[in-house]
């Protein structure tokens, strides 16, 4: 197996950071929205909450798999990054979109893909 690229450690760290921030968001956001009023809790928000939960709880196993060099983790990381792009578009966060596009570019480089073969 080739030597682990340094960028994989960064990607795994970003996934774990996203997990920690996501847990905080999943706890605080619904409580904050309930205080605003039930009219805010529409069907779109509930669907988004499920979508975001999948992203958050998938991050730690994928980060572990990236560090270990599992091929399923490489494929899963691309899916999570694409989910992150969709999330960033929904919340109109330009910096995150650029960051996720850079991550997609990095993950698909030949030397990084070789680590997961």
C-alpha atoms as a PDB file:
ATOM      1  CA  UNK A   1       0.000   0.000   0.000  1.00  0.00           C
ATOM      2  CA  UNK A   2       1.343   3.461  -0.878  1.00  0.00           C
ATOM      3  CA  UNK A   3       2.115   5.978   1.833  1.00  0.00           C
ATOM      4  CA  UNK A   4      -0.921   7.906   3.090  1.00  0.00           C
ATOM      5  CA  UNK A   5      -1.090  11.364   1.498  1.00  0.00           C
ATOM      6  CA  UNK A   6      -1.051  14.233   3.998  1.00  0.00           C
ATOM      7  CA  UNK A   7      -4.221  15.654   2.465  1.00  0.00           C
ATOM      8  CA  UNK A   8      -6.163  12.536   3.502  1.00  0.00           C
ATOM      9  CA  UNK A   9      -5.415  13.385   7.125  1.00  0.00           C
ATOM     10  CA  UNK A  10      -6.752  16.900   6.489  1.00  0.00           C
ATOM     11  CA  UNK A  11      -9.909  15.552   4.808  1.00  0.00           C
ATOM     12  CA  UNK A  12     -10.487  13.119   7.708  1.00  0.00           C
ATOM     13  CA  UNK A  13      -9.992  15.968  10.196  1.00  0.00           C
ATOM     14  CA  UNK A  14     -12.502  18.131   8.288  1.00  0.00           C
ATOM     15  CA  UNK A  15     -15.016  15.277   8.370  1.00  0.00           C
ATOM     16  CA  UNK A  16     -14.570  14.896  12.137  1.00  0.00           C
ATOM     17  CA  UNK A  17     -14.868  18.646  12.619  1.00  0.00           C
ATOM     18  CA  UNK A  18     -18.050  18.552  10.544  1.00  0.00           C
ATOM     19  CA  UNK A  19     -19.345  15.747  12.771  1.00  0.00           C
ATOM     20  CA  UNK A  20     -18.732  17.728  15.980  1.00  0.00           C
ATOM     21  CA  UNK A  21     -20.230  20.915  14.524  1.00  0.00           C
ATOM     22  CA  UNK A  22     -23.114  18.897  13.071  1.00  0.00           C
ATOM     23  CA  UNK A  23     -23.987  17.327  16.420  1.00  0.00           C
ATOM     24  CA  UNK A  24     -24.056  20.783  17.968  1.00  0.00           C
ATOM     25  CA  UNK A  25     -26.253  22.045  15.134  1.00  0.00           C
ATOM     26  CA  UNK A  26     -28.638  19.096  15.383  1.00  0.00           C
ATOM     27  CA  UNK A  27     -29.087  19.771  19.091  1.00  0.00           C
ATOM     28  CA  UNK A  28     -29.350  23.565  19.054  1.00  0.00           C
ATOM     29  CA  UNK A  29     -31.144  24.344  15.765  1.00  0.00           C
ATOM     30  CA  UNK A  30     -34.397  22.446  16.466  1.00  0.00           C
ATOM     31  CA  UNK A  31     -34.657  24.002  19.937  1.00  0.00           C
ATOM     32  CA  UNK A  32     -34.077  27.464  18.494  1.00  0.00           C
ATOM     33  CA  UNK A  33     -36.668  26.925  15.781  1.00  0.00           C
ATOM     34  CA  UNK A  34     -39.264  25.664  18.265  1.00  0.00           C
ATOM     35  CA  UNK A  35     -38.817  28.907  20.215  1.00  0.00           C
ATOM     36  CA  UNK A  36     -39.475  30.937  17.058  1.00  0.00           C
ATOM     37  CA  UNK A  37     -42.717  29.177  16.355  1.00  0.00           C
ATOM     38  CA  UNK A  38     -44.124  26.029  14.852  1.00  0.00           C
ATOM     39  CA  UNK A  39     -44.780  27.716  11.508  1.00  0.00           C
ATOM     40  CA  UNK A  40     -41.046  27.519  10.819  1.00  0.00           C
ATOM     41  CA  UNK A  41     -41.045  23.735  11.236  1.00  0.00           C
ATOM     42  CA  UNK A  42     -42.392  22.884   7.825  1.00  0.00           C
ATOM     43  CA  UNK A  43     -41.933  19.732   5.762  1.00  0.00           C
ATOM     44  CA  UNK A  44     -38.849  21.110   4.017  1.00  0.00           C
ATOM     45  CA  UNK A  45     -37.071  21.625   7.313  1.00  0.00           C
ATOM     46  CA  UNK A  46     -37.861  18.093   8.478  1.00  0.00           C
ATOM     47  CA  UNK A  47     -36.554  16.594   5.223  1.00  0.00           C
ATOM     48  CA  UNK A  48     -33.450  18.776   5.498  1.00  0.00           C
ATOM     49  CA  UNK A  49     -32.938  17.640   9.091  1.00  0.00           C
ATOM     50  CA  UNK A  50     -32.944  13.978   8.025  1.00  0.00           C
ATOM     51  CA  UNK A  51     -30.584  14.751   5.124  1.00  0.00           C
ATOM     52  CA  UNK A  52     -28.210  16.651   7.423  1.00  0.00           C
ATOM     53  CA  UNK A  53     -28.344  13.854  10.023  1.00  0.00           C
ATOM     54  CA  UNK A  54     -27.235  11.308   7.421  1.00  0.00           C
ATOM     55  CA  UNK A  55     -24.315  13.557   6.525  1.00  0.00           C
ATOM     56  CA  UNK A  56     -23.328  14.089  10.160  1.00  0.00           C
ATOM     57  CA  UNK A  57     -23.487  10.482  11.323  1.00  0.00           C
ATOM     58  CA  UNK A  58     -21.745   9.101   8.227  1.00  0.00           C
ATOM     59  CA  UNK A  59     -18.715  11.357   8.709  1.00  0.00           C
ATOM     60  CA  UNK A  60     -16.829   9.500  11.518  1.00  0.00           C
ATOM     61  CA  UNK A  61     -16.801   6.047   9.860  1.00  0.00           C
ATOM     62  CA  UNK A  62     -15.785   7.593   6.542  1.00  0.00           C
ATOM     63  CA  UNK A  63     -12.979   9.550   8.237  1.00  0.00           C
ATOM     64  CA  UNK A  64     -11.726   6.321   9.841  1.00  0.00           C
ATOM     65  CA  UNK A  65     -11.936   4.504   6.517  1.00  0.00           C
ATOM     66  CA  UNK A  66      -9.982   7.266   4.792  1.00  0.00           C
ATOM     67  CA  UNK A  67      -7.202   6.998   7.336  1.00  0.00           C
ATOM     68  CA  UNK A  68      -7.090   3.221   6.908  1.00  0.00           C
ATOM     69  CA  UNK A  69      -7.166   3.426   3.097  1.00  0.00           C
ATOM     70  CA  UNK A  70     -10.431   1.566   2.479  1.00  0.00           C
ATOM     71  CA  UNK A  71     -11.815   1.897  -1.053  1.00  0.00           C
ATOM     72  CA  UNK A  72     -15.403   2.199   0.247  1.00  0.00           C
ATOM     73  CA  UNK A  73     -14.303   5.244   2.272  1.00  0.00           C
ATOM     74  CA  UNK A  74     -12.939   6.929  -0.846  1.00  0.00           C
ATOM     75  CA  UNK A  75     -16.253   6.444  -2.641  1.00  0.00           C
ATOM     76  CA  UNK A  76     -18.213   7.467   0.450  1.00  0.00           C
ATOM     77  CA  UNK A  77     -16.128  10.600   0.894  1.00  0.00           C
ATOM     78  CA  UNK A  78     -17.006  11.692  -2.634  1.00  0.00           C
ATOM     79  CA  UNK A  79     -20.693  11.163  -1.820  1.00  0.00           C
ATOM     80  CA  UNK A  80     -20.367  13.126   1.440  1.00  0.00           C
ATOM     81  CA  UNK A  81     -18.513  15.940  -0.290  1.00  0.00           C
ATOM     82  CA  UNK A  82     -21.250  16.132  -2.936  1.00  0.00           C
ATOM     83  CA  UNK A  83     -23.837  16.206  -0.137  1.00  0.00           C
ATOM     84  CA  UNK A  84     -21.823  19.038   1.390  1.00  0.00           C
ATOM     85  CA  UNK A  85     -21.962  20.952  -1.887  1.00  0.00           C
ATOM     86  CA  UNK A  86     -25.743  20.537  -1.983  1.00  0.00           C
ATOM     87  CA  UNK A  87     -25.973  21.666   1.649  1.00  0.00           C
ATOM     88  CA  UNK A  88     -23.809  24.721   0.928  1.00  0.00           C
ATOM     89  CA  UNK A  89     -25.969  25.668  -2.042  1.00  0.00           C
ATOM     90  CA  UNK A  90     -29.119  25.360   0.100  1.00  0.00           C
ATOM     91  CA  UNK A  91     -27.729  27.666   2.773  1.00  0.00           C
ATOM     92  CA  UNK A  92     -26.004  29.936   0.219  1.00  0.00           C
ATOM     93  CA  UNK A  93     -22.531  29.591   1.692  1.00  0.00           C
ATOM     94  CA  UNK A  94     -20.013  30.335  -1.072  1.00  0.00           C
ATOM     95  CA  UNK A  95     -16.842  29.597   0.900  1.00  0.00           C
ATOM     96  CA  UNK A  96     -18.025  26.058   1.667  1.00  0.00           C
ATOM     97  CA  UNK A  97     -18.845  25.423  -1.981  1.00  0.00           C
ATOM     98  CA  UNK A  98     -15.302  26.388  -2.977  1.00  0.00           C
ATOM     99  CA  UNK A  99     -13.830  24.251  -0.168  1.00  0.00           C
ATOM    100  CA  UNK A 100     -15.864  21.207  -1.196  1.00  0.00           C
ATOM    101  CA  UNK A 101     -14.869  21.650  -4.852  1.00  0.00           C
ATOM    102  CA  UNK A 102     -11.206  21.761  -3.811  1.00  0.00           C
ATOM    103  CA  UNK A 103     -11.737  18.567  -1.787  1.00  0.00           C
ATOM    104  CA  UNK A 104     -13.345  16.818  -4.779  1.00  0.00           C
ATOM    105  CA  UNK A 105     -10.388  17.873  -6.926  1.00  0.00           C
ATOM    106  CA  UNK A 106      -7.897  16.595  -4.347  1.00  0.00           C
ATOM    107  CA  UNK A 107      -9.655  13.283  -3.668  1.00  0.00           C
ATOM    108  CA  UNK A 108      -9.736  12.463  -7.382  1.00  0.00           C
ATOM    109  CA  UNK A 109      -5.994  13.038  -7.974  1.00  0.00           C
ATOM    110  CA  UNK A 110      -4.194   9.880  -9.234  1.00  0.00           C
ATOM    111  CA  UNK A 111      -1.757   9.691  -6.298  1.00  0.00           C
ATOM    112  CA  UNK A 112      -4.622   9.918  -3.797  1.00  0.00           C
ATOM    113  CA  UNK A 113      -6.691   7.318  -5.675  1.00  0.00           C
ATOM    114  CA  UNK A 114      -3.651   5.033  -5.712  1.00  0.00           C
ATOM    115  CA  UNK A 115      -3.641   5.029  -1.902  1.00  0.00           C
ATOM    116  CA  UNK A 116      -7.108   3.444  -1.951  1.00  0.00           C
ATOM    117  CA  UNK A 117      -6.363   0.724  -4.528  1.00  0.00           C
END
